[in-house]
Amino acid sequence: MDPLQLFAVGLTLAHISLLAGVYFASAITTDAFVSTEIHSLLYFRVGLSVIVVVEAGLAVYDTYKLHRGDVGNTASASAFIAAAIVGWAILASYPADDAEHAIGAVIFISATAVYSVFFISKSAKWRTPLYALWALSVASAIAFA
């Protein structure tokens, strides 16, 4: 595994650990959502925001690496990555009860779902299970909404 992949795996584990840590430390007893905890715990908002921005940076790098020479795919994926960051900035800036928060969440989740397809399409070995997991994630997001 190359160093960048190792970093990406570590970043994913940090993301999962932060979410699980906050859930088991506070949200489980209050039935709070991630959006609620983002605004009640400053370290969570900052930490999660840093992770999301670094993940987007990795996505941009991978987009240029995977779609080298394919300007259309590179531009499209990059636009969705940028949209995801804008969505995150909006949702992290407003409390969960505000309409802007919901709008930011829809933008972030939708843009992330779309740009993920660009990466799955380049998977040689695991494409079918990854598309199945992607569909399950999208269905879960829609059901939650």
Protein backbone atom coordinates (compact mmCIF):
# COMPACT_ATOMS: atom_id res chain seq x y z
CA MET A 1 0.00 0.00 0.00
CA ASP A 2 1.46 3.34 -0.98
CA PRO A 3 1.84 6.10 1.64
CA LEU A 4 -1.07 8.15 0.31
CA GLN A 5 -3.42 5.16 0.53
CA LEU A 6 -2.19 4.48 4.04
CA PHE A 7 -2.90 8.12 4.95
CA ALA A 8 -6.39 7.88 3.42
CA VAL A 9 -7.15 4.74 5.44
CA GLY A 10 -5.89 6.46 8.59
CA LEU A 11 -8.04 9.50 7.82
CA THR A 12 -11.09 7.29 7.35
CA LEU A 13 -10.40 5.59 10.67
CA ALA A 14 -10.05 9.01 12.32
CA HIS A 15 -13.39 10.05 10.81
CA ILE A 16 -15.13 6.91 12.06
CA SER A 17 -13.45 7.17 15.46
CA LEU A 18 -14.52 10.79 15.92
CA LEU A 19 -18.12 9.98 14.99
CA ALA A 20 -18.21 6.89 17.21
CA GLY A 21 -16.50 8.67 20.09
CA VAL A 22 -19.01 11.51 20.11
CA TYR A 23 -21.90 9.11 19.67
CA PHE A 24 -20.90 6.89 22.58
CA ALA A 25 -19.75 9.79 24.79
CA SER A 26 -22.85 11.95 24.51
CA ALA A 27 -25.28 11.38 21.65
CA ILE A 28 -26.33 7.89 22.71
CA THR A 29 -27.80 9.18 25.98
CA THR A 30 -29.57 12.17 24.42
CA ASP A 31 -30.64 10.64 21.08
CA ALA A 32 -28.87 13.55 19.40
CA PHE A 33 -28.01 13.56 15.71
CA VAL A 34 -24.60 14.42 14.27
CA SER A 35 -26.02 17.83 13.32
CA THR A 36 -27.01 18.51 16.92
CA GLU A 37 -23.60 17.53 18.27
CA ILE A 38 -21.78 19.64 15.67
CA HIS A 39 -23.20 22.76 17.26
CA SER A 40 -22.99 21.71 20.87
CA LEU A 41 -19.38 20.44 20.79
CA LEU A 42 -16.86 22.86 19.28
CA TYR A 43 -14.05 20.27 19.11
CA PHE A 44 -16.38 17.99 17.16
CA ARG A 45 -17.32 20.69 14.64
CA VAL A 46 -13.70 21.71 14.13
CA GLY A 47 -12.34 18.15 14.04
CA LEU A 48 -14.99 16.89 11.65
CA SER A 49 -14.58 19.96 9.44
CA VAL A 50 -10.83 19.41 9.21
CA ILE A 51 -11.36 15.76 8.31
CA VAL A 52 -13.99 16.61 5.65
CA VAL A 53 -11.73 19.23 4.05
CA VAL A 54 -8.70 16.90 4.02
CA GLU A 55 -10.88 14.13 2.53
CA ALA A 56 -11.95 16.57 -0.19
CA GLY A 57 -8.30 17.41 -0.85
CA LEU A 58 -7.54 13.72 -1.27
CA ALA A 59 -10.53 13.41 -3.58
CA VAL A 60 -9.23 16.24 -5.75
CA TYR A 61 -5.80 14.63 -5.92
CA ASP A 62 -7.29 11.25 -6.81
CA THR A 63 -9.58 12.83 -9.40
CA TYR A 64 -6.62 14.28 -11.26
CA LYS A 65 -4.66 11.06 -10.87
CA LEU A 66 -7.45 8.65 -11.91
CA HIS A 67 -8.97 10.74 -14.69
CA ARG A 68 -5.72 12.03 -16.17
CA GLY A 69 -6.39 13.19 -19.70
CA ASP A 70 -10.19 13.06 -19.28
CA VAL A 71 -10.98 16.74 -18.84
CA GLY A 72 -14.74 16.19 -18.68
CA ASN A 73 -14.60 13.71 -15.80
CA THR A 74 -11.94 15.70 -13.98
CA ALA A 75 -13.93 18.93 -14.23
CA SER A 76 -17.21 17.25 -13.27
CA ALA A 77 -15.77 15.43 -10.28
CA SER A 78 -13.94 18.58 -9.17
CA ALA A 79 -17.18 20.60 -9.38
CA PHE A 80 -18.99 18.08 -7.18
CA ILE A 81 -16.12 18.02 -4.69
CA ALA A 82 -16.27 21.83 -4.51
CA ALA A 83 -20.05 21.65 -4.06
CA ALA A 84 -19.60 19.16 -1.21
CA ILE A 85 -17.22 21.58 0.56
CA VAL A 86 -19.67 24.45 0.10
CA GLY A 87 -22.47 22.24 1.47
CA TRP A 88 -20.33 21.30 4.47
CA ALA A 89 -19.48 24.95 5.15
CA ILE A 90 -23.17 25.84 5.11
CA LEU A 91 -24.28 22.97 7.35
CA ALA A 92 -21.45 23.54 9.83
CA SER A 93 -22.27 27.25 10.02
CA TYR A 94 -25.92 26.95 11.00
CA PRO A 95 -27.65 25.13 13.85
CA ALA A 96 -29.62 22.00 13.02
CA ASP A 97 -32.96 23.83 13.41
CA ASP A 98 -32.19 26.36 10.66
CA ALA A 99 -33.28 25.76 7.07
CA GLU A 100 -29.77 26.67 5.88
CA HIS A 101 -28.39 23.71 7.81
CA ALA A 102 -30.74 21.32 6.01
CA ILE A 103 -29.88 22.88 2.65
CA GLY A 104 -26.17 22.51 3.37
CA ALA A 105 -26.68 18.89 4.41
CA VAL A 106 -28.56 18.08 1.19
CA ILE A 107 -25.84 19.74 -0.91
CA PHE A 108 -23.04 17.99 0.99
CA ILE A 109 -24.60 14.52 0.91
CA SER A 110 -25.77 14.77 -2.71
CA ALA A 111 -22.46 16.13 -4.03
CA THR A 112 -20.49 13.52 -2.07
CA ALA A 113 -22.70 10.74 -3.44
CA VAL A 114 -22.19 11.95 -7.00
CA TYR A 115 -18.43 12.42 -6.83
CA SER A 116 -18.06 9.00 -5.20
CA VAL A 117 -19.35 7.43 -8.41
CA PHE A 118 -16.32 8.83 -10.26
CA PHE A 119 -14.03 6.82 -7.98
CA ILE A 120 -16.11 3.66 -8.02
CA SER A 121 -16.16 3.72 -11.82
CA LYS A 122 -12.35 3.45 -11.83
CA SER A 123 -12.27 0.47 -9.47
CA ALA A 124 -11.09 -2.59 -11.34
CA LYS A 125 -11.53 -5.29 -8.73
CA TRP A 126 -14.33 -4.24 -6.37
CA ARG A 127 -16.64 -2.22 -8.65
CA THR A 128 -19.82 -4.30 -8.17
CA PRO A 129 -19.70 -4.50 -4.35
CA LEU A 130 -18.75 -0.81 -4.19
CA TYR A 131 -21.76 0.16 -6.31
CA ALA A 132 -23.95 -1.98 -4.04
CA LEU A 133 -22.56 -0.24 -0.94
CA TRP A 134 -22.98 3.12 -2.65
CA ALA A 135 -26.64 2.33 -3.42
CA LEU A 136 -27.19 1.24 0.18
CA SER A 137 -25.64 4.48 1.44
CA VAL A 138 -27.82 6.60 -0.86
CA ALA A 139 -30.92 4.65 0.14
CA SER A 140 -30.01 5.13 3.83
CA ALA A 141 -29.56 8.88 3.33
CA ILE A 142 -32.92 9.15 1.55
CA ALA A 143 -34.66 7.07 4.23
CA PHE A 144 -33.13 9.21 6.97
CA ALA A 145 -34.25 12.42 5.27
